[in-house]
N, C-alpha and C. Protein backbone atom coordinates (compact mmCIF):
# COMPACT_ATOMS: atom_id res chain seq x y z
N MET A 1 28.33 -12.08 -4.90
CA MET A 1 27.57 -12.61 -6.03
C MET A 1 27.37 -13.86 -6.12
N THR A 2 28.38 -14.80 -5.54
CA THR A 2 28.18 -16.36 -5.67
C THR A 2 26.78 -16.41 -4.59
N LYS A 3 26.85 -15.64 -3.51
CA LYS A 3 25.60 -15.75 -2.30
C LYS A 3 23.94 -15.45 -3.24
N LYS A 4 24.25 -14.69 -4.30
CA LYS A 4 22.92 -14.00 -4.80
C LYS A 4 22.72 -15.23 -5.66
N ILE A 5 23.72 -15.79 -6.45
CA ILE A 5 23.28 -16.99 -7.43
C ILE A 5 22.58 -18.19 -6.60
N ILE A 6 23.35 -18.30 -5.61
CA ILE A 6 22.87 -19.47 -4.61
C ILE A 6 21.27 -19.21 -3.88
N GLY A 7 21.19 -17.66 -3.52
CA GLY A 7 19.79 -17.42 -3.21
C GLY A 7 18.71 -17.59 -4.33
N LEU A 8 19.02 -16.86 -5.55
CA LEU A 8 18.08 -17.41 -6.85
C LEU A 8 18.08 -18.74 -6.79
N ALA A 9 18.75 -19.50 -6.69
CA ALA A 9 18.73 -20.97 -7.00
C ALA A 9 17.71 -21.67 -6.11
N ALA A 10 17.69 -21.17 -5.00
CA ALA A 10 16.90 -21.59 -3.89
C ALA A 10 15.55 -21.22 -4.21
N ILE A 11 15.27 -20.07 -4.69
CA ILE A 11 14.20 -19.70 -5.26
C ILE A 11 13.39 -20.38 -5.82
N ALA A 12 14.31 -20.87 -7.28
CA ALA A 12 14.13 -21.40 -8.33
C ALA A 12 13.71 -22.85 -8.21
N CYS A 13 14.36 -23.41 -7.33
CA CYS A 13 14.05 -24.78 -6.46
C CYS A 13 12.71 -24.80 -5.77
N SER A 14 12.47 -23.75 -5.14
CA SER A 14 11.46 -23.91 -4.43
C SER A 14 10.11 -23.47 -5.01
N LEU A 15 10.15 -22.66 -5.99
CA LEU A 15 9.18 -22.67 -7.17
C LEU A 15 8.50 -23.94 -8.03
N ALA A 16 9.84 -24.60 -8.10
CA ALA A 16 9.52 -26.02 -8.71
C ALA A 16 9.12 -27.19 -8.09
N PHE A 17 9.22 -26.96 -6.70
CA PHE A 17 8.77 -28.02 -5.71
C PHE A 17 8.19 -27.27 -4.57
N PRO A 18 6.66 -26.85 -4.78
CA PRO A 18 5.88 -26.18 -3.79
C PRO A 18 6.14 -26.55 -2.34
N ALA A 19 5.75 -27.75 -2.27
CA ALA A 19 5.89 -28.44 -0.76
C ALA A 19 7.08 -28.07 -0.26
N LEU A 20 8.40 -27.80 -0.70
CA LEU A 20 9.55 -27.58 -0.16
C LEU A 20 9.59 -26.15 0.55
N ALA A 21 8.88 -25.10 -0.42
CA ALA A 21 8.61 -23.79 -0.06
C ALA A 21 7.91 -23.67 1.40
N GLN A 22 6.89 -24.51 1.64
CA GLN A 22 6.27 -24.56 2.52
C GLN A 22 6.71 -24.59 4.04
N SER A 23 8.01 -25.81 3.94
CA SER A 23 8.68 -26.11 5.15
C SER A 23 9.58 -25.03 5.50
N SER A 24 9.64 -24.67 6.54
CA SER A 24 10.43 -23.43 7.47
C SER A 24 11.69 -24.23 7.90
N ALA A 25 12.73 -23.36 7.75
CA ALA A 25 14.07 -23.76 8.54
C ALA A 25 14.15 -23.55 10.17
N PRO A 26 14.59 -24.32 10.83
CA PRO A 26 14.50 -24.42 12.36
C PRO A 26 14.69 -23.04 12.97
N GLY A 27 13.95 -22.66 13.84
CA GLY A 27 13.86 -21.29 14.40
C GLY A 27 13.22 -20.18 13.76
N ARG A 28 13.01 -20.47 12.65
CA ARG A 28 12.00 -19.50 11.89
C ARG A 28 10.31 -19.47 12.10
N SER A 29 9.93 -18.22 12.06
CA SER A 29 8.32 -18.18 12.50
C SER A 29 8.00 -16.72 11.82
N VAL A 30 6.59 -16.60 11.82
CA VAL A 30 6.18 -15.46 11.25
C VAL A 30 5.22 -14.80 12.01
N VAL A 31 4.93 -13.45 12.41
CA VAL A 31 4.06 -13.03 13.15
C VAL A 31 3.59 -11.77 12.55
N TYR A 32 2.22 -11.28 12.58
CA TYR A 32 1.69 -10.30 11.73
C TYR A 32 1.26 -9.49 12.65
N THR A 33 1.30 -8.17 12.46
CA THR A 33 0.73 -6.91 13.27
C THR A 33 0.16 -5.87 12.46
N ASP A 34 -0.82 -5.25 12.97
CA ASP A 34 -1.75 -4.41 12.05
C ASP A 34 -1.28 -2.86 11.97
N THR A 35 -1.69 -2.49 10.83
CA THR A 35 -1.20 -1.06 10.35
C THR A 35 -2.30 -0.03 10.58
N SER A 36 -3.13 -0.57 11.64
CA SER A 36 -4.08 0.63 11.86
C SER A 36 -4.91 0.11 13.15
N GLY A 37 -5.96 0.78 13.63
CA GLY A 37 -6.53 0.25 15.06
C GLY A 37 -5.97 0.82 16.32
N LYS A 38 -6.15 -0.02 17.29
CA LYS A 38 -5.46 0.17 18.52
C LYS A 38 -3.82 0.27 18.79
N ALA A 39 -3.32 -0.69 17.61
CA ALA A 39 -1.85 -0.81 17.59
C ALA A 39 -1.14 0.42 16.72
N CYS A 40 -1.69 1.41 16.40
CA CYS A 40 -1.27 2.40 15.79
C CYS A 40 -1.86 3.72 16.41
N LYS A 41 -0.87 5.31 16.42
CA LYS A 41 -1.33 6.41 16.65
C LYS A 41 -0.92 7.11 15.36
N SER A 42 -1.79 8.08 15.27
CA SER A 42 -1.72 8.85 14.33
C SER A 42 -1.32 10.38 14.85
N HIS A 43 -0.70 10.97 13.76
CA HIS A 43 -0.42 12.58 13.85
C HIS A 43 -0.10 12.95 12.59
N ILE A 44 -0.39 14.32 12.54
CA ILE A 44 -0.36 15.32 11.23
C ILE A 44 1.07 15.87 11.25
N GLN A 45 1.78 16.00 10.02
CA GLN A 45 2.88 16.93 10.04
C GLN A 45 2.71 18.06 9.06
N GLY A 46 3.76 18.91 8.54
CA GLY A 46 3.69 19.52 7.51
C GLY A 46 2.49 20.65 7.72
N GLY A 47 1.92 20.99 8.54
CA GLY A 47 0.71 21.91 8.37
C GLY A 47 -0.48 21.33 7.71
N GLY A 48 -0.53 19.81 8.34
CA GLY A 48 -1.85 18.93 7.72
C GLY A 48 -1.72 18.24 6.41
N GLU A 49 -0.61 18.42 5.78
CA GLU A 49 -0.31 17.99 4.37
C GLU A 49 0.41 16.47 4.45
N ILE A 50 1.00 16.07 5.61
CA ILE A 50 0.99 14.77 5.75
C ILE A 50 0.50 14.01 7.03
N ALA A 51 0.02 12.81 6.54
CA ALA A 51 -0.42 12.09 8.12
C ALA A 51 0.89 10.96 7.96
N GLU A 52 0.98 10.83 9.44
CA GLU A 52 1.87 9.69 9.83
C GLU A 52 1.15 8.98 10.75
N TRP A 53 1.38 7.45 10.82
CA TRP A 53 0.80 6.66 11.69
C TRP A 53 2.29 5.99 12.10
N ILE A 54 2.08 5.65 13.68
CA ILE A 54 3.22 4.91 14.22
C ILE A 54 2.73 4.02 15.01
N CYS A 55 3.07 2.43 14.47
CA CYS A 55 2.31 1.29 14.91
C CYS A 55 3.14 0.33 15.39
N LYS A 56 2.83 -0.58 16.29
CA LYS A 56 3.51 -1.54 17.11
C LYS A 56 4.32 -2.50 16.10
N GLY A 57 5.26 -2.76 15.86
CA GLY A 57 5.95 -3.67 15.20
C GLY A 57 6.74 -4.92 16.16
N ILE A 58 7.47 -5.74 15.67
CA ILE A 58 8.25 -6.64 16.25
C ILE A 58 9.54 -6.21 16.77
N GLY A 59 9.81 -5.70 17.81
CA GLY A 59 11.39 -5.01 18.18
C GLY A 59 11.59 -3.89 17.70
N ARG A 60 10.70 -3.04 17.08
CA ARG A 60 10.90 -1.59 16.58
C ARG A 60 9.40 -1.27 16.04
N GLU A 61 9.38 -0.01 16.25
CA GLU A 61 8.06 0.52 15.66
C GLU A 61 7.87 0.42 14.15
N VAL A 62 6.68 0.97 13.74
CA VAL A 62 6.50 0.76 12.18
C VAL A 62 6.08 2.31 11.57
N TYR A 63 6.58 3.11 10.94
CA TYR A 63 6.09 4.30 10.57
C TYR A 63 5.58 4.17 9.27
N LEU A 64 4.38 4.60 9.02
CA LEU A 64 3.66 4.79 7.73
C LEU A 64 3.13 6.27 7.54
N ILE A 65 3.92 6.54 6.36
CA ILE A 65 3.56 8.07 6.07
C ILE A 65 2.94 7.81 4.67
N ASP A 66 1.80 8.71 4.93
CA ASP A 66 0.60 8.86 3.52
C ASP A 66 0.48 10.35 3.12
N ALA A 67 0.91 10.71 2.05
CA ALA A 67 1.24 12.10 1.48
C ALA A 67 0.31 11.99 0.39
N ILE A 68 0.12 13.25 -0.54
CA ILE A 68 -0.61 13.34 -1.35
C ILE A 68 0.19 12.79 -2.61
N THR A 69 1.47 13.22 -2.61
CA THR A 69 1.92 12.77 -3.62
C THR A 69 3.18 11.59 -3.59
N ARG A 70 3.32 11.14 -2.15
CA ARG A 70 4.59 9.75 -1.85
C ARG A 70 3.73 8.95 -0.55
N GLY A 71 3.84 7.70 -0.62
CA GLY A 71 3.79 7.12 0.44
C GLY A 71 4.76 6.30 0.88
N GLY A 72 4.74 5.91 1.98
CA GLY A 72 6.07 5.06 2.44
C GLY A 72 6.14 4.54 3.86
N VAL A 73 7.06 3.73 3.72
CA VAL A 73 7.26 2.78 5.14
C VAL A 73 8.55 3.04 5.74
N ALA A 74 8.54 3.00 7.13
CA ALA A 74 10.08 3.18 7.84
C ALA A 74 9.89 2.30 8.92
N PHE A 75 11.06 1.53 9.25
CA PHE A 75 11.02 0.56 10.01
C PHE A 75 12.18 1.09 11.30
N GLY A 76 11.52 1.16 12.36
CA GLY A 76 12.38 2.07 13.71
C GLY A 76 12.45 3.31 13.48
N LYS A 77 12.40 4.25 14.66
CA LYS A 77 12.86 5.77 14.94
C LYS A 77 13.51 6.23 14.07
N ASN A 78 14.86 5.56 14.09
CA ASN A 78 15.88 6.07 12.97
C ASN A 78 15.80 5.51 11.74
N GLY A 79 14.84 4.64 11.38
CA GLY A 79 14.67 4.50 9.97
C GLY A 79 14.35 5.35 8.98
N GLU A 80 14.89 5.44 7.80
CA GLU A 80 14.34 6.44 6.95
C GLU A 80 13.50 5.97 6.19
N HIS A 81 12.50 6.58 5.71
CA HIS A 81 11.53 5.83 4.78
C HIS A 81 12.05 5.39 3.64
N GLU A 82 11.81 4.23 3.31
CA GLU A 82 12.62 3.56 1.90
C GLU A 82 11.89 4.64 0.67
N ALA A 83 12.09 3.71 -0.46
CA ALA A 83 11.49 4.18 -1.62
C ALA A 83 10.23 4.25 -1.68
N GLY A 84 9.53 5.47 -1.83
CA GLY A 84 8.00 5.72 -1.74
C GLY A 84 7.18 5.62 -3.05
N PHE A 85 5.98 5.35 -3.03
CA PHE A 85 5.05 5.37 -3.94
C PHE A 85 3.90 6.18 -4.00
N VAL A 86 3.38 6.36 -5.33
CA VAL A 86 2.17 7.23 -5.24
C VAL A 86 0.87 6.42 -4.64
N PRO A 87 0.51 6.66 -3.33
CA PRO A 87 -0.55 5.79 -2.85
C PRO A 87 -1.91 6.16 -3.14
N THR A 88 -2.75 5.05 -3.12
CA THR A 88 -4.24 5.20 -3.37
C THR A 88 -4.91 5.72 -1.86
N SER A 89 -6.22 5.88 -1.81
CA SER A 89 -6.97 5.81 -0.74
C SER A 89 -6.53 4.51 0.36
N ASP A 90 -6.38 3.63 -0.22
CA ASP A 90 -6.12 2.31 0.83
C ASP A 90 -4.96 2.05 1.36
N PHE A 91 -3.70 2.76 0.50
CA PHE A 91 -2.45 3.11 1.13
C PHE A 91 -1.69 1.77 1.40
N VAL A 92 -1.78 1.04 2.27
CA VAL A 92 -1.02 -0.35 2.79
C VAL A 92 -2.01 -1.20 3.21
N GLY A 93 -1.41 -2.37 3.27
CA GLY A 93 -2.34 -3.45 3.54
C GLY A 93 -2.66 -3.66 5.08
N LYS A 94 -3.66 -4.24 5.69
CA LYS A 94 -4.17 -4.36 6.90
C LYS A 94 -2.66 -4.69 7.90
N LYS A 95 -2.07 -5.88 7.40
CA LYS A 95 -1.26 -6.20 8.36
C LYS A 95 0.28 -6.12 7.77
N ILE A 96 1.32 -6.43 8.70
CA ILE A 96 2.70 -6.41 8.24
C ILE A 96 2.86 -7.71 8.69
N GLU A 97 3.69 -8.60 7.76
CA GLU A 97 4.35 -9.67 8.05
C GLU A 97 5.79 -9.42 8.29
N TRP A 98 5.97 -10.25 9.72
CA TRP A 98 7.54 -9.95 10.06
C TRP A 98 8.02 -11.55 9.92
N ARG A 99 9.19 -11.59 9.42
CA ARG A 99 10.08 -13.07 9.15
C ARG A 99 10.80 -12.97 10.31
N LEU A 100 10.76 -14.21 10.95
CA LEU A 100 11.64 -13.83 12.49
C LEU A 100 12.66 -15.13 12.29
N GLN A 101 13.90 -15.05 12.78
CA GLN A 101 14.78 -16.28 13.26
C GLN A 101 15.01 -16.32 14.62
N ASP A 102 14.65 -17.21 15.31
CA ASP A 102 15.13 -17.44 16.67
C ASP A 102 14.42 -16.13 17.41
N GLY A 103 13.05 -15.71 16.80
CA GLY A 103 12.30 -14.54 17.71
C GLY A 103 12.78 -13.10 17.25
N ARG A 104 13.80 -12.92 16.35
CA ARG A 104 14.34 -11.66 15.87
C ARG A 104 13.89 -11.54 14.52
N PRO A 105 13.28 -10.29 14.15
CA PRO A 105 12.98 -9.68 12.95
C PRO A 105 14.00 -9.44 12.07
N TYR A 106 14.04 -10.37 10.75
CA TYR A 106 14.74 -10.12 9.59
C TYR A 106 14.52 -9.42 8.76
N ALA A 107 12.98 -9.57 8.19
CA ALA A 107 12.52 -9.14 7.26
C ALA A 107 11.24 -8.72 7.36
N THR A 108 10.37 -8.16 6.56
CA THR A 108 8.71 -7.87 6.27
C THR A 108 8.22 -8.06 5.09
N ILE A 109 7.30 -8.23 5.03
CA ILE A 109 6.53 -8.09 3.77
C ILE A 109 5.00 -7.61 3.92
N TYR A 110 4.89 -6.32 3.13
CA TYR A 110 3.54 -5.59 3.28
C TYR A 110 2.93 -5.12 1.83
N ARG A 111 2.07 -5.32 1.99
CA ARG A 111 1.27 -4.99 0.55
C ARG A 111 0.97 -3.47 0.42
N ALA A 112 1.26 -2.89 -0.57
CA ALA A 112 1.18 -1.45 -0.94
C ALA A 112 0.32 -1.52 -2.25
N PHE A 113 -0.75 -0.16 -1.96
CA PHE A 113 -1.59 0.18 -2.89
C PHE A 113 -1.04 1.18 -3.51
N VAL A 114 -0.63 0.83 -4.97
CA VAL A 114 0.03 2.04 -5.81
C VAL A 114 -0.86 2.22 -7.00
N HIS A 115 -0.88 3.81 -6.75
CA HIS A 115 -1.81 4.55 -8.02
C HIS A 115 -0.95 4.80 -8.97
N ILE A 116 -1.72 4.29 -10.29
CA ILE A 116 -1.18 4.38 -11.64
C ILE A 116 -1.62 5.36 -12.63
N GLU A 117 -0.89 6.24 -13.35
CA GLU A 117 -1.50 6.91 -14.10
C GLU A 117 -1.04 6.21 -15.50
N ASN A 118 -1.85 6.54 -16.46
CA ASN A 118 -2.15 6.15 -17.72
C ASN A 118 -1.78 7.31 -18.83
N PRO A 119 -0.57 7.53 -18.91
CA PRO A 119 -0.58 8.45 -19.89
C PRO A 119 -1.00 8.31 -21.50
N ASN A 120 -1.55 7.15 -21.87
CA ASN A 120 -1.75 6.77 -23.13
C ASN A 120 -3.51 6.79 -22.97
N ALA A 121 -3.98 7.01 -22.02
CA ALA A 121 -5.35 7.12 -22.11
C ALA A 121 -5.94 8.30 -22.58
N THR A 122 -7.27 8.40 -23.15
CA THR A 122 -7.82 9.35 -23.69
C THR A 122 -8.35 10.11 -22.88
N SER A 123 -8.67 9.58 -21.61
CA SER A 123 -9.40 10.31 -20.33
C SER A 123 -8.20 10.15 -19.15
N SER A 124 -8.44 10.95 -18.28
CA SER A 124 -7.62 10.74 -17.05
C SER A 124 -7.92 9.75 -16.15
N LYS A 125 -8.05 8.75 -16.79
CA LYS A 125 -8.41 7.36 -15.88
C LYS A 125 -6.97 7.01 -15.09
N ALA A 126 -7.10 6.42 -14.17
CA ALA A 126 -6.10 5.88 -13.43
C ALA A 126 -6.43 4.44 -12.40
N SER A 127 -5.57 3.71 -12.45
CA SER A 127 -5.88 2.34 -11.89
C SER A 127 -5.13 2.13 -10.51
N THR A 128 -5.11 1.19 -9.60
CA THR A 128 -4.33 1.00 -8.48
C THR A 128 -3.77 -0.36 -8.76
N LYS A 129 -2.69 -0.78 -8.53
CA LYS A 129 -1.66 -1.81 -8.46
C LYS A 129 -1.26 -2.23 -7.19
N GLN A 130 -1.50 -3.66 -6.65
CA GLN A 130 -0.80 -3.94 -5.71
C GLN A 130 0.39 -4.61 -5.79
N VAL A 131 1.18 -4.30 -5.12
CA VAL A 131 2.79 -4.94 -4.80
C VAL A 131 3.13 -5.19 -3.49
N LEU A 132 3.61 -6.34 -3.32
CA LEU A 132 4.20 -7.05 -2.30
C LEU A 132 5.56 -6.46 -2.02
N VAL A 133 5.97 -5.68 -0.81
CA VAL A 133 7.18 -4.86 -0.56
C VAL A 133 7.75 -6.10 0.40
N VAL A 134 8.81 -6.52 -0.03
CA VAL A 134 9.82 -7.56 0.64
C VAL A 134 11.21 -6.55 1.57
N THR A 135 11.22 -6.08 2.61
CA THR A 135 12.12 -5.29 3.10
C THR A 135 13.18 -5.95 4.22
N LYS A 136 14.16 -5.80 4.10
CA LYS A 136 15.16 -6.59 4.69
C LYS A 136 15.40 -5.27 6.11
N LEU A 137 15.34 -5.93 7.28
CA LEU A 137 15.65 -5.31 8.65
C LEU A 137 17.20 -5.51 8.73
N ASP A 138 17.88 -4.37 9.00
CA ASP A 138 19.33 -4.45 8.98
C ASP A 138 19.57 -3.38 9.98
N GLY A 139 19.85 -4.09 11.05
CA GLY A 139 20.16 -3.51 12.51
C GLY A 139 18.84 -2.35 12.72
N ASP A 140 19.29 -1.12 13.00
CA ASP A 140 18.45 0.03 13.00
C ASP A 140 17.67 0.45 11.71
N GLY A 141 18.32 0.01 10.57
CA GLY A 141 17.88 0.54 9.10
C GLY A 141 17.23 -0.41 8.52
N ALA A 142 16.52 -0.36 7.41
CA ALA A 142 15.89 -1.19 6.36
C ALA A 142 16.06 -0.82 5.17
N CYS A 143 16.05 -1.86 3.98
CA CYS A 143 15.91 -1.31 2.92
C CYS A 143 15.08 -2.58 1.97
N HIS A 144 14.55 -1.97 0.68
CA HIS A 144 13.65 -3.17 -0.04
C HIS A 144 14.82 -3.98 -0.35
N MET A 145 14.13 -5.16 -0.68
CA MET A 145 15.05 -6.51 -1.09
C MET A 145 14.22 -6.99 -2.58
N ALA A 146 12.81 -6.43 -2.56
CA ALA A 146 12.16 -6.99 -3.48
C ALA A 146 10.78 -6.29 -3.79
N TYR A 147 10.39 -6.18 -4.98
CA TYR A 147 8.95 -5.59 -5.27
C TYR A 147 8.12 -7.10 -5.91
N VAL A 148 7.38 -7.42 -5.45
CA VAL A 148 6.36 -8.52 -6.22
C VAL A 148 4.92 -8.28 -6.61
N ASP A 149 4.66 -8.27 -8.05
CA ASP A 149 3.31 -7.87 -8.61
C ASP A 149 2.57 -8.98 -7.67
N ALA A 150 1.54 -8.50 -7.08
CA ALA A 150 0.45 -9.14 -6.20
C ALA A 150 -0.52 -9.91 -7.08
N SER A 151 -0.46 -9.35 -8.23
CA SER A 151 -1.35 -10.35 -9.32
C SER A 151 -0.87 -11.47 -9.69
N ILE A 152 0.49 -11.86 -9.39
CA ILE A 152 0.75 -13.00 -10.00
C ILE A 152 0.29 -14.23 -9.26
N LYS A 153 0.50 -15.58 -9.76
CA LYS A 153 0.24 -16.64 -8.89
C LYS A 153 1.10 -17.16 -8.19
N ASN A 154 0.75 -17.27 -6.70
CA ASN A 154 1.60 -17.53 -5.84
C ASN A 154 2.44 -16.21 -4.95
N ALA A 155 1.58 -14.99 -5.16
CA ALA A 155 2.62 -13.99 -4.64
C ALA A 155 3.07 -13.62 -3.43
N ASN A 156 2.24 -14.40 -2.54
CA ASN A 156 2.56 -14.17 -1.37
C ASN A 156 4.03 -15.30 -0.78
N ALA A 157 3.67 -16.56 -1.48
CA ALA A 157 4.62 -17.30 -1.29
C ALA A 157 5.92 -17.04 -1.87
N ARG A 158 6.02 -16.30 -3.04
CA ARG A 158 7.29 -16.22 -3.59
C ARG A 158 7.98 -14.93 -2.65
N ALA A 159 7.04 -13.81 -2.23
CA ALA A 159 7.64 -12.90 -1.48
C ALA A 159 8.52 -13.44 -0.30
N ALA A 160 7.44 -14.18 0.31
CA ALA A 160 8.27 -15.28 1.64
C ALA A 160 9.49 -16.04 1.31
N GLU A 161 9.79 -16.52 0.04
CA GLU A 161 11.05 -17.00 -0.37
C GLU A 161 11.80 -16.15 -0.67
N ILE A 162 11.64 -15.02 -1.15
CA ILE A 162 12.78 -14.37 -1.66
C ILE A 162 13.41 -13.53 -0.37
N ALA A 163 11.94 -13.36 0.97
CA ALA A 163 12.82 -13.04 2.01
C ALA A 163 13.73 -13.74 2.94
N ASP A 164 13.18 -15.27 2.92
CA ASP A 164 14.27 -16.02 3.46
C ASP A 164 15.66 -16.55 2.73
N ALA A 165 15.13 -16.53 1.17
CA ALA A 165 16.58 -16.83 0.62
C ALA A 165 17.20 -16.05 0.92
N ASN A 166 17.42 -14.65 0.78
CA ASN A 166 17.95 -13.51 0.32
C ASN A 166 18.76 -12.41 1.61
N PHE A 167 17.90 -12.66 2.84
CA PHE A 167 18.23 -11.73 3.79
C PHE A 167 19.65 -11.60 4.17
N ALA A 168 20.27 -12.70 4.25
CA ALA A 168 21.63 -12.94 4.56
C ALA A 168 22.77 -12.12 3.60
N SER A 169 21.92 -12.63 2.37
CA SER A 169 23.34 -11.87 1.55
C SER A 169 22.76 -10.48 0.90
N PHE A 170 21.81 -10.05 0.72
CA PHE A 170 21.32 -8.92 0.55
C PHE A 170 22.24 -7.61 1.22
N GLU A 171 22.65 -6.70 0.09
CA GLU A 171 23.28 -5.64 1.11
C GLU A 171 22.55 -4.27 0.63
N CYS A 172 22.15 -3.74 1.85
CA CYS A 172 21.27 -2.45 1.51
C CYS A 172 22.32 -1.74 1.00
N GLY A 173 21.85 -0.74 -0.04
CA GLY A 173 22.84 0.23 -0.28
C GLY A 173 23.47 -0.24 -1.64
N ALA A 174 23.96 -1.33 -1.62
CA ALA A 174 24.61 -2.03 -2.67
C ALA A 174 23.82 -2.73 -3.96
N ASP A 175 22.94 -3.51 -3.24
CA ASP A 175 22.14 -4.12 -3.93
C ASP A 175 20.80 -3.76 -4.63
N LYS A 176 20.25 -3.92 -5.72
CA LYS A 176 19.15 -3.27 -5.94
C LYS A 176 17.59 -4.34 -5.83
N PRO A 177 16.58 -3.81 -5.54
CA PRO A 177 15.74 -4.67 -5.18
C PRO A 177 15.20 -5.75 -6.57
N LEU A 178 14.96 -6.80 -6.12
CA LEU A 178 14.45 -7.84 -7.16
C LEU A 178 13.12 -7.25 -7.70
N GLN A 179 12.71 -7.39 -8.47
CA GLN A 179 11.28 -7.06 -9.43
C GLN A 179 10.74 -8.50 -10.16
N VAL A 180 9.54 -8.94 -9.43
CA VAL A 180 8.88 -10.11 -9.89
C VAL A 180 7.67 -9.83 -10.51
N GLY A 181 7.35 -10.30 -11.48
CA GLY A 181 6.28 -9.80 -12.29
C GLY A 181 6.37 -8.79 -13.02
N ASN A 182 5.64 -7.82 -13.04
CA ASN A 182 5.41 -6.36 -13.27
C ASN A 182 4.91 -5.57 -12.33
N PRO A 183 5.42 -5.27 -11.31
CA PRO A 183 5.24 -4.54 -10.12
C PRO A 183 5.28 -2.96 -10.41
N ALA A 184 4.31 -2.30 -9.80
CA ALA A 184 3.99 -0.71 -10.03
C ALA A 184 5.25 -0.06 -9.68
N PRO A 185 5.88 1.17 -10.35
CA PRO A 185 7.17 1.61 -9.94
C PRO A 185 7.21 2.30 -8.73
N PHE A 186 8.09 2.24 -8.09
CA PHE A 186 8.22 3.29 -6.77
C PHE A 186 9.17 3.96 -7.06
N ILE A 187 9.24 5.17 -6.19
CA ILE A 187 10.02 6.60 -6.42
C ILE A 187 11.36 6.46 -5.45
N PHE A 188 12.32 6.58 -6.29
CA PHE A 188 13.57 6.56 -5.58
C PHE A 188 14.11 7.89 -5.24
N HIS A 189 14.75 8.15 -4.29
CA HIS A 189 15.33 9.27 -4.06
C HIS A 189 16.63 9.32 -3.84
């Protein structure tokens, strides 16, 4: 619990002093990979109901699954898809940001395009909300550390700060993802 408080204090400090947030710790770097194009191969599963792309990542492959009722991302061939979302036609952003320490990935950030139904609307209008998903890479597995509403000010910087401040203390399976702003809901199974 103390580690979480320290991590949250680091985020608060970096938000109060943006110049500090831009500096990176020694040995830290960022690399971007594509979620489409030549870096990815696609195939269809389940009689044509599920499309899956396998893309090159840093130290592991990335599996992007786009289904009619659920979208999701998995890191590594043994990684299960994390909490999914109701995808739009865009599904995920064009890049995945890999946060590295001494060349080894510890977290990723990707943009999800989430379909939002409006139950109070008089028509069947739906909208799209963008969420930055911060994922901890934990051995062969992965889990979501945070969902950042992409419409808030400095959303990308906030997602990076959360990844950097919390990857060491966040416990997959025990800790719940932090929600920043008003991110669209993800489907938990």
